[in-house]
PDB file of all heavy atoms in Angstrom:
ATOM      1  N   LEU A   1       2.364  -9.687 -16.145  1.00  0.00           N
ATOM      2  CA  LEU A   1       3.693  -9.135 -16.427  1.00  0.00           C
ATOM      3  C   LEU A   1       3.705  -7.617 -16.264  1.00  0.00           C
ATOM      4  O   LEU A   1       4.657  -7.052 -15.719  1.00  0.00           O
ATOM      5  CB  LEU A   1       4.143  -9.518 -17.838  1.00  0.00           C
ATOM      6  CG  LEU A   1       4.586 -10.970 -18.011  1.00  0.00           C
ATOM      7  CD1 LEU A   1       4.661 -11.340 -19.485  1.00  0.00           C
ATOM      8  CD2 LEU A   1       5.914 -11.213 -17.314  1.00  0.00           C
ATOM      9  N   ILE A   2       2.644  -6.960 -16.720  1.00  0.00           N
ATOM     10  CA  ILE A   2       2.564  -5.496 -16.584  1.00  0.00           C
ATOM     11  C   ILE A   2       2.559  -5.106 -15.103  1.00  0.00           C
ATOM     12  O   ILE A   2       3.274  -4.197 -14.685  1.00  0.00           O
ATOM     13  CB  ILE A   2       1.323  -4.940 -17.312  1.00  0.00           C
ATOM     14  CG1 ILE A   2       1.514  -5.056 -18.826  1.00  0.00           C
ATOM     15  CG2 ILE A   2       1.047  -3.495 -16.895  1.00  0.00           C
ATOM     16  CD1 ILE A   2       0.262  -4.794 -19.648  1.00  0.00           C
ATOM     17  N   ILE A   3       1.771  -5.815 -14.302  1.00  0.00           N
ATOM     18  CA  ILE A   3       1.698  -5.510 -12.873  1.00  0.00           C
ATOM     19  C   ILE A   3       3.025  -5.814 -12.184  1.00  0.00           C
ATOM     20  O   ILE A   3       3.565  -4.984 -11.445  1.00  0.00           O
ATOM     21  CB  ILE A   3       0.537  -6.283 -12.205  1.00  0.00           C
ATOM     22  CG1 ILE A   3      -0.807  -5.758 -12.719  1.00  0.00           C
ATOM     23  CG2 ILE A   3       0.623  -6.207 -10.683  1.00  0.00           C
ATOM     24  CD1 ILE A   3      -1.996  -6.613 -12.323  1.00  0.00           C
ATOM     25  N   PHE A   4       3.563  -7.007 -12.424  1.00  0.00           N
ATOM     26  CA  PHE A   4       4.792  -7.439 -11.754  1.00  0.00           C
ATOM     27  C   PHE A   4       5.980  -6.562 -12.148  1.00  0.00           C
ATOM     28  O   PHE A   4       6.710  -6.060 -11.291  1.00  0.00           O
ATOM     29  CB  PHE A   4       5.075  -8.910 -12.079  1.00  0.00           C
ATOM     30  CG  PHE A   4       6.248  -9.473 -11.330  1.00  0.00           C
ATOM     31  CD1 PHE A   4       6.092  -9.940 -10.039  1.00  0.00           C
ATOM     32  CD2 PHE A   4       7.505  -9.548 -11.914  1.00  0.00           C
ATOM     33  CE1 PHE A   4       7.174 -10.457  -9.333  1.00  0.00           C
ATOM     34  CE2 PHE A   4       8.584 -10.063 -11.227  1.00  0.00           C
ATOM     35  CZ  PHE A   4       8.425 -10.520  -9.928  1.00  0.00           C
ATOM     36  N   ILE A   5       6.171  -6.374 -13.443  1.00  0.00           N
ATOM     37  CA  ILE A   5       7.300  -5.558 -13.904  1.00  0.00           C
ATOM     38  C   ILE A   5       7.054  -4.092 -13.551  1.00  0.00           C
ATOM     39  O   ILE A   5       7.976  -3.391 -13.131  1.00  0.00           O
ATOM     40  CB  ILE A   5       7.545  -5.762 -15.407  1.00  0.00           C
ATOM     41  CG1 ILE A   5       8.042  -7.193 -15.664  1.00  0.00           C
ATOM     42  CG2 ILE A   5       8.548  -4.743 -15.943  1.00  0.00           C
ATOM     43  CD1 ILE A   5       8.135  -7.587 -17.122  1.00  0.00           C
ATOM     44  N   GLY A   6       5.808  -3.660 -13.676  1.00  0.00           N
ATOM     45  CA  GLY A   6       5.487  -2.267 -13.357  1.00  0.00           C
ATOM     46  C   GLY A   6       5.856  -1.902 -11.935  1.00  0.00           C
ATOM     47  O   GLY A   6       6.492  -0.870 -11.688  1.00  0.00           O
ATOM     48  N   ILE A   7       5.496  -2.739 -10.973  1.00  0.00           N
ATOM     49  CA  ILE A   7       5.817  -2.433  -9.577  1.00  0.00           C
ATOM     50  C   ILE A   7       7.317  -2.525  -9.342  1.00  0.00           C
ATOM     51  O   ILE A   7       7.882  -1.796  -8.530  1.00  0.00           O
ATOM     52  CB  ILE A   7       5.022  -3.320  -8.578  1.00  0.00           C
ATOM     53  CG1 ILE A   7       5.090  -2.741  -7.159  1.00  0.00           C
ATOM     54  CG2 ILE A   7       5.532  -4.747  -8.576  1.00  0.00           C
ATOM     55  CD1 ILE A   7       4.388  -1.448  -6.983  1.00  0.00           C
ATOM     56  N   HIS A   8       8.001  -3.408 -10.095  1.00  0.00           N
ATOM     57  CA  HIS A   8       9.447  -3.524  -9.951  1.00  0.00           C
ATOM     58  C   HIS A   8      10.199  -2.385 -10.647  1.00  0.00           C
ATOM     59  O   HIS A   8      11.407  -2.233 -10.449  1.00  0.00           O
ATOM     60  CB  HIS A   8       9.933  -4.889 -10.447  1.00  0.00           C
ATOM     61  CG  HIS A   8       9.724  -5.969  -9.442  1.00  0.00           C
ATOM     62  ND1 HIS A   8       8.518  -6.626  -9.305  1.00  0.00           N
ATOM     63  CD2 HIS A   8      10.551  -6.478  -8.501  1.00  0.00           C
ATOM     64  CE1 HIS A   8       8.628  -7.510  -8.323  1.00  0.00           C
ATOM     65  NE2 HIS A   8       9.839  -7.438  -7.820  1.00  0.00           N
ATOM     66  N   LEU A   9       9.492  -1.599 -11.442  1.00  0.00           N
ATOM     67  CA  LEU A   9      10.116  -0.420 -12.050  1.00  0.00           C
ATOM     68  C   LEU A   9      10.105   0.776 -11.096  1.00  0.00           C
ATOM     69  O   LEU A   9      10.892   1.701 -11.255  1.00  0.00           O
ATOM     70  CB  LEU A   9       9.415  -0.052 -13.363  1.00  0.00           C
ATOM     71  CG  LEU A   9       9.626  -1.018 -14.523  1.00  0.00           C
ATOM     72  CD1 LEU A   9       8.826  -0.564 -15.735  1.00  0.00           C
ATOM     73  CD2 LEU A   9      11.095  -1.176 -14.858  1.00  0.00           C
ATOM     74  N   VAL A  10       9.233   0.747 -10.094  1.00  0.00           N
ATOM     75  CA  VAL A  10       9.151   1.867  -9.150  1.00  0.00           C
ATOM     76  C   VAL A  10      10.501   2.143  -8.485  1.00  0.00           C
ATOM     77  O   VAL A  10      10.943   3.302  -8.450  1.00  0.00           O
ATOM     78  CB  VAL A  10       8.034   1.638  -8.102  1.00  0.00           C
ATOM     79  CG1 VAL A  10       8.088   2.685  -7.002  1.00  0.00           C
ATOM     80  CG2 VAL A  10       6.672   1.644  -8.781  1.00  0.00           C
ATOM     81  N   PRO A  11      11.208   1.126  -7.957  1.00  0.00           N
ATOM     82  CA  PRO A  11      12.505   1.429  -7.330  1.00  0.00           C
ATOM     83  C   PRO A  11      13.549   1.997  -8.296  1.00  0.00           C
ATOM     84  O   PRO A  11      14.500   2.633  -7.850  1.00  0.00           O
ATOM     85  CB  PRO A  11      12.971   0.073  -6.782  1.00  0.00           C
ATOM     86  CG  PRO A  11      11.744  -0.745  -6.666  1.00  0.00           C
ATOM     87  CD  PRO A  11      10.835  -0.274  -7.759  1.00  0.00           C
ATOM     88  N   THR A  12      13.371   1.793  -9.588  1.00  0.00           N
ATOM     89  CA  THR A  12      14.333   2.340 -10.546  1.00  0.00           C
ATOM     90  C   THR A  12      14.154   3.846 -10.708  1.00  0.00           C
ATOM     91  O   THR A  12      15.039   4.518 -11.215  1.00  0.00           O
ATOM     92  CB  THR A  12      14.218   1.671 -11.933  1.00  0.00           C
ATOM     93  OG1 THR A  12      12.976   2.037 -12.549  1.00  0.00           O
ATOM     94  CG2 THR A  12      14.319   0.158 -11.842  1.00  0.00           C
ATOM     95  N   GLN A  13      13.013   4.362 -10.262  1.00  0.00           N
ATOM     96  CA  GLN A  13      12.728   5.797 -10.304  1.00  0.00           C
ATOM     97  C   GLN A  13      12.865   6.335  -8.881  1.00  0.00           C
ATOM     98  O   GLN A  13      11.930   6.264  -8.080  1.00  0.00           O
ATOM     99  CB  GLN A  13      11.329   6.051 -10.864  1.00  0.00           C
ATOM    100  CG  GLN A  13      11.068   5.414 -12.209  1.00  0.00           C
ATOM    101  CD  GLN A  13      12.076   5.847 -13.261  1.00  0.00           C
ATOM    102  OE1 GLN A  13      12.314   7.032 -13.441  1.00  0.00           O
ATOM    103  NE2 GLN A  13      12.678   4.886 -13.944  1.00  0.00           N
ATOM    104  N   VAL A  14      14.033   6.844  -8.574  1.00  0.00           N
ATOM    105  CA  VAL A  14      14.375   7.218  -7.207  1.00  0.00           C
ATOM    106  C   VAL A  14      13.363   8.209  -6.612  1.00  0.00           C
ATOM    107  O   VAL A  14      12.907   8.030  -5.479  1.00  0.00           O
ATOM    108  CB  VAL A  14      15.811   7.798  -7.148  1.00  0.00           C
ATOM    109  CG1 VAL A  14      16.160   8.258  -5.742  1.00  0.00           C
ATOM    110  CG2 VAL A  14      16.812   6.769  -7.642  1.00  0.00           C
ATOM    111  N   ALA A  15      12.992   9.224  -7.358  1.00  0.00           N
ATOM    112  CA  ALA A  15      12.048  10.234  -6.842  1.00  0.00           C
ATOM    113  C   ALA A  15      10.667   9.625  -6.596  1.00  0.00           C
ATOM    114  O   ALA A  15      10.018   9.934  -5.594  1.00  0.00           O
ATOM    115  CB  ALA A  15      11.949  11.399  -7.819  1.00  0.00           C
ATOM    116  N   THR A  16      10.223   8.760  -7.488  1.00  0.00           N
ATOM    117  CA  THR A  16       8.912   8.115  -7.332  1.00  0.00           C
ATOM    118  C   THR A  16       8.897   7.243  -6.085  1.00  0.00           C
ATOM    119  O   THR A  16       7.952   7.280  -5.292  1.00  0.00           O
ATOM    120  CB  THR A  16       8.574   7.270  -8.576  1.00  0.00           C
ATOM    121  OG1 THR A  16       8.613   8.122  -9.720  1.00  0.00           O
ATOM    122  CG2 THR A  16       7.211   6.627  -8.457  1.00  0.00           C
ATOM    123  N   ARG A  17       9.951   6.448  -5.907  1.00  0.00           N
ATOM    124  CA  ARG A  17      10.036   5.577  -4.734  1.00  0.00           C
ATOM    125  C   ARG A  17      10.087   6.422  -3.461  1.00  0.00           C
ATOM    126  O   ARG A  17       9.388   6.142  -2.487  1.00  0.00           O
ATOM    127  CB  ARG A  17      11.251   4.660  -4.795  1.00  0.00           C
ATOM    128  CG  ARG A  17      11.302   3.699  -3.620  1.00  0.00           C
ATOM    129  CD  ARG A  17      12.640   2.978  -3.505  1.00  0.00           C
ATOM    130  NE  ARG A  17      12.619   1.997  -2.452  1.00  0.00           N
ATOM    131  CZ  ARG A  17      12.733   2.271  -1.147  1.00  0.00           C
ATOM    132  NH1 ARG A  17      12.827   3.513  -0.728  1.00  0.00           N
ATOM    133  NH2 ARG A  17      12.723   1.304  -0.251  1.00  0.00           N
ATOM    134  N   ALA A  18      10.904   7.459  -3.478  1.00  0.00           N
ATOM    135  CA  ALA A  18      11.029   8.320  -2.295  1.00  0.00           C
ATOM    136  C   ALA A  18       9.692   8.975  -1.951  1.00  0.00           C
ATOM    137  O   ALA A  18       9.317   9.068  -0.776  1.00  0.00           O
ATOM    138  CB  ALA A  18      12.102   9.382  -2.523  1.00  0.00           C
ATOM    139  N   GLY A  19       8.953   9.402  -2.972  1.00  0.00           N
ATOM    140  CA  GLY A  19       7.637   9.998  -2.742  1.00  0.00           C
ATOM    141  C   GLY A  19       6.654   8.997  -2.148  1.00  0.00           C
ATOM    142  O   GLY A  19       5.883   9.332  -1.243  1.00  0.00           O
ATOM    143  N   ALA A  20       6.689   7.769  -2.648  1.00  0.00           N
ATOM    144  CA  ALA A  20       5.804   6.726  -2.122  1.00  0.00           C
ATOM    145  C   ALA A  20       6.150   6.398  -0.682  1.00  0.00           C
ATOM    146  O   ALA A  20       5.255   6.243   0.166  1.00  0.00           O
ATOM    147  CB  ALA A  20       5.894   5.476  -2.999  1.00  0.00           C
ATOM    148  N   VAL A  21       7.446   6.301  -0.380  1.00  0.00           N
ATOM    149  CA  VAL A  21       7.873   6.016   0.995  1.00  0.00           C
ATOM    150  C   VAL A  21       7.488   7.176   1.915  1.00  0.00           C
ATOM    151  O   VAL A  21       7.032   6.965   3.038  1.00  0.00           O
ATOM    152  CB  VAL A  21       9.394   5.736   1.058  1.00  0.00           C
ATOM    153  CG1 VAL A  21       9.899   5.701   2.494  1.00  0.00           C
ATOM    154  CG2 VAL A  21       9.715   4.418   0.349  1.00  0.00           C
ATOM    155  N   ALA A  22       7.651   8.404   1.432  1.00  0.00           N
ATOM    156  CA  ALA A  22       7.313   9.579   2.253  1.00  0.00           C
ATOM    157  C   ALA A  22       5.822   9.626   2.571  1.00  0.00           C
ATOM    158  O   ALA A  22       5.427   9.982   3.686  1.00  0.00           O
ATOM    159  CB  ALA A  22       7.744  10.856   1.533  1.00  0.00           C
ATOM    160  N   SER A  23       4.982   9.281   1.605  1.00  0.00           N
ATOM    161  CA  SER A  23       3.535   9.370   1.847  1.00  0.00           C
ATOM    162  C   SER A  23       2.979   8.138   2.559  1.00  0.00           C
ATOM    163  O   SER A  23       2.029   8.265   3.332  1.00  0.00           O
ATOM    164  CB  SER A  23       2.785   9.617   0.543  1.00  0.00           C
ATOM    165  OG  SER A  23       2.933   8.523  -0.326  1.00  0.00           O
ATOM    166  N   LEU A  24       3.565   6.961   2.319  1.00  0.00           N
ATOM    167  CA  LEU A  24       3.044   5.734   2.923  1.00  0.00           C
ATOM    168  C   LEU A  24       3.803   5.304   4.170  1.00  0.00           C
ATOM    169  O   LEU A  24       3.237   4.632   5.032  1.00  0.00           O
ATOM    170  CB  LEU A  24       3.103   4.580   1.910  1.00  0.00           C
ATOM    171  CG  LEU A  24       2.279   4.702   0.637  1.00  0.00           C
ATOM    172  CD1 LEU A  24       2.633   3.588  -0.334  1.00  0.00           C
ATOM    173  CD2 LEU A  24       0.800   4.666   0.980  1.00  0.00           C
ATOM    174  N   GLY A  25       5.084   5.629   4.225  1.00  0.00           N
ATOM    175  CA  GLY A  25       5.969   5.076   5.248  1.00  0.00           C
ATOM    176  C   GLY A  25       6.688   3.864   4.673  1.00  0.00           C
ATOM    177  O   GLY A  25       6.177   3.191   3.768  1.00  0.00           O
ATOM    178  N   GLU A  26       7.879   3.590   5.185  1.00  0.00           N
ATOM    179  CA  GLU A  26       8.718   2.505   4.636  1.00  0.00           C
ATOM    180  C   GLU A  26       8.022   1.145   4.691  1.00  0.00           C
ATOM    181  O   GLU A  26       7.977   0.415   3.710  1.00  0.00           O
ATOM    182  CB  GLU A  26      10.051   2.447   5.391  1.00  0.00           C
ATOM    183  CG  GLU A  26      11.035   1.431   4.841  1.00  0.00           C
ATOM    184  CD  GLU A  26      11.698   1.846   3.539  1.00  0.00           C
ATOM    185  OE1 GLU A  26      11.866   3.055   3.296  1.00  0.00           O
ATOM    186  OE2 GLU A  26      12.048   0.952   2.742  1.00  0.00           O
ATOM    187  N   ASN A  27       7.457   0.805   5.850  1.00  0.00           N
ATOM    188  CA  ASN A  27       6.828  -0.510   5.995  1.00  0.00           C
ATOM    189  C   ASN A  27       5.578  -0.663   5.131  1.00  0.00           C
ATOM    190  O   ASN A  27       5.353  -1.712   4.525  1.00  0.00           O
ATOM    191  CB  ASN A  27       6.505  -0.796   7.457  1.00  0.00           C
ATOM    192  CG  ASN A  27       7.757  -1.049   8.271  1.00  0.00           C
ATOM    193  OD1 ASN A  27       8.789  -1.446   7.737  1.00  0.00           O
ATOM    194  ND2 ASN A  27       7.678  -0.807   9.564  1.00  0.00           N
ATOM    195  N   ALA A  28       4.760   0.371   5.074  1.00  0.00           N
ATOM    196  CA  ALA A  28       3.555   0.311   4.241  1.00  0.00           C
ATOM    197  C   ALA A  28       3.942   0.220   2.762  1.00  0.00           C
ATOM    198  O   ALA A  28       3.312  -0.515   1.999  1.00  0.00           O
ATOM    199  CB  ALA A  28       2.668   1.526   4.490  1.00  0.00           C
ATOM    200  N   TYR A  29       4.977   0.966   2.365  1.00  0.00           N
ATOM    201  CA  TYR A  29       5.456   0.883   0.976  1.00  0.00           C
ATOM    202  C   TYR A  29       5.896  -0.539   0.654  1.00  0.00           C
ATOM    203  O   TYR A  29       5.516  -1.102  -0.376  1.00  0.00           O
ATOM    204  CB  TYR A  29       6.617   1.872   0.749  1.00  0.00           C
ATOM    205  CG  TYR A  29       7.369   1.595  -0.532  1.00  0.00           C
ATOM    206  CD1 TYR A  29       6.855   2.012  -1.755  1.00  0.00           C
ATOM    207  CD2 TYR A  29       8.570   0.911  -0.512  1.00  0.00           C
ATOM    208  CE1 TYR A  29       7.538   1.738  -2.940  1.00  0.00           C
ATOM    209  CE2 TYR A  29       9.255   0.638  -1.684  1.00  0.00           C
ATOM    210  CZ  TYR A  29       8.740   1.050  -2.890  1.00  0.00           C
ATOM    211  OH  TYR A  29       9.402   0.776  -4.059  1.00  0.00           O
ATOM    212  N   LYS A  30       6.688  -1.122   1.536  1.00  0.00           N
ATOM    213  CA  LYS A  30       7.178  -2.488   1.304  1.00  0.00           C
ATOM    214  C   LYS A  30       6.021  -3.484   1.284  1.00  0.00           C
ATOM    215  O   LYS A  30       6.014  -4.420   0.485  1.00  0.00           O
ATOM    216  CB  LYS A  30       8.205  -2.880   2.371  1.00  0.00           C
ATOM    217  CG  LYS A  30       9.534  -2.193   2.185  1.00  0.00           C
ATOM    218  CD  LYS A  30      10.527  -2.608   3.260  1.00  0.00           C
ATOM    219  CE  LYS A  30      11.869  -1.945   3.049  1.00  0.00           C
ATOM    220  NZ  LYS A  30      12.847  -2.313   4.074  1.00  0.00           N
TER     221      LYS A  30
END
């Protein structure tokens, strides 16, 4: 639950998601 919900909380944090997409790329992030 911590892993599943934790990863699903990332998109709720716009800056965190944007940073992950910027460093990994959209496809790698997904």
